[in-house]
Amino acid sequence: MTRSHGIVLHSLRYGDAQIIVTIFTEEAGTVPFIVRQPRNGRRGVRASAWQPLSLVEVVWDPRPNAHLQKPKELTLWMPWRSLTFEPAKTAMSLFMGEFLSFALRAEQENKALFDFMRNGLTWFDESEGHYSNFHIVFLLHLTRFLGFLPNVDDWHEGSYFDLQGAAFVSQEPLHRHYLNPEESALVPKFLRMNIRSMQAVGLNGALRRRALEIVTEFYRLHIPEFPELKSLGVLAEVFR
């Protein structure tokens, strides 16, 4: 029997009475669960326990050969104060949940990563403003745990950021996946700040959208079969 805290990444309705819920758990990494919802008004798992980025507690008997695990218990661990109520935060949460469901789909147990995510999301939930760059800073720092963190010490004025090689280079790469020197200078700016200091970098809507496009392309180059994200357009509309 395994009992673990977890962060909901994605949920998908499966048939009339079941939901597939993908959870990044503290004890076992990313685990997909199939949750049955009783009919006829019977008590089932609360809907808040499978909303994107919800903090939950889950108990299950691991079945090594099963693609989907069946939880014995799935309950809300710590309810968010604002993530599920403020429209801008909800839009960002939907995007991040979808993004993370692909970025972490094969992630094994990693308690340092779990703590990073929980602490970052807690700050986001408690923030009363200045969080419009949160998803960009969060996703760039997440690369530290996924193995393709850029080395900002290699940056110098006029250098190019090679997205494919995750490195700064002095000459234009021979492929098309790189940033010009002006955009390259944004990478160390974002990576040298933490979540609490990110409001120091002011971005207009167009530059923020471009930064998010760059981050998404960067992940797509380093994580196999990383898809186009449906929620990206919605997020762009919210933070115009």
Foldseek 3Di string as FASTA:
>chain_A
DDKWKWFWQDWDDDPDFKIWIWTQTQAWGIAIAIFGHDPPPDDGADPLQRQQGFIWMWAFDDDPPDNHTYTPDIHGDDDFDPCVPDVLSVLVSNQRSPQCCQLRVPPTNDNVLVVLSVVLVNCVSPDPDLCLCSVLLSLQVSVVVVPLRADCVQDDQQWKQQLLNSYTDNDDDPDDRIGGRVVVVVSVVSPVDHSVPVSVDDDALVVSLVSVVNSLVSSPSVGDPNDDDPSSVVSSVSRD
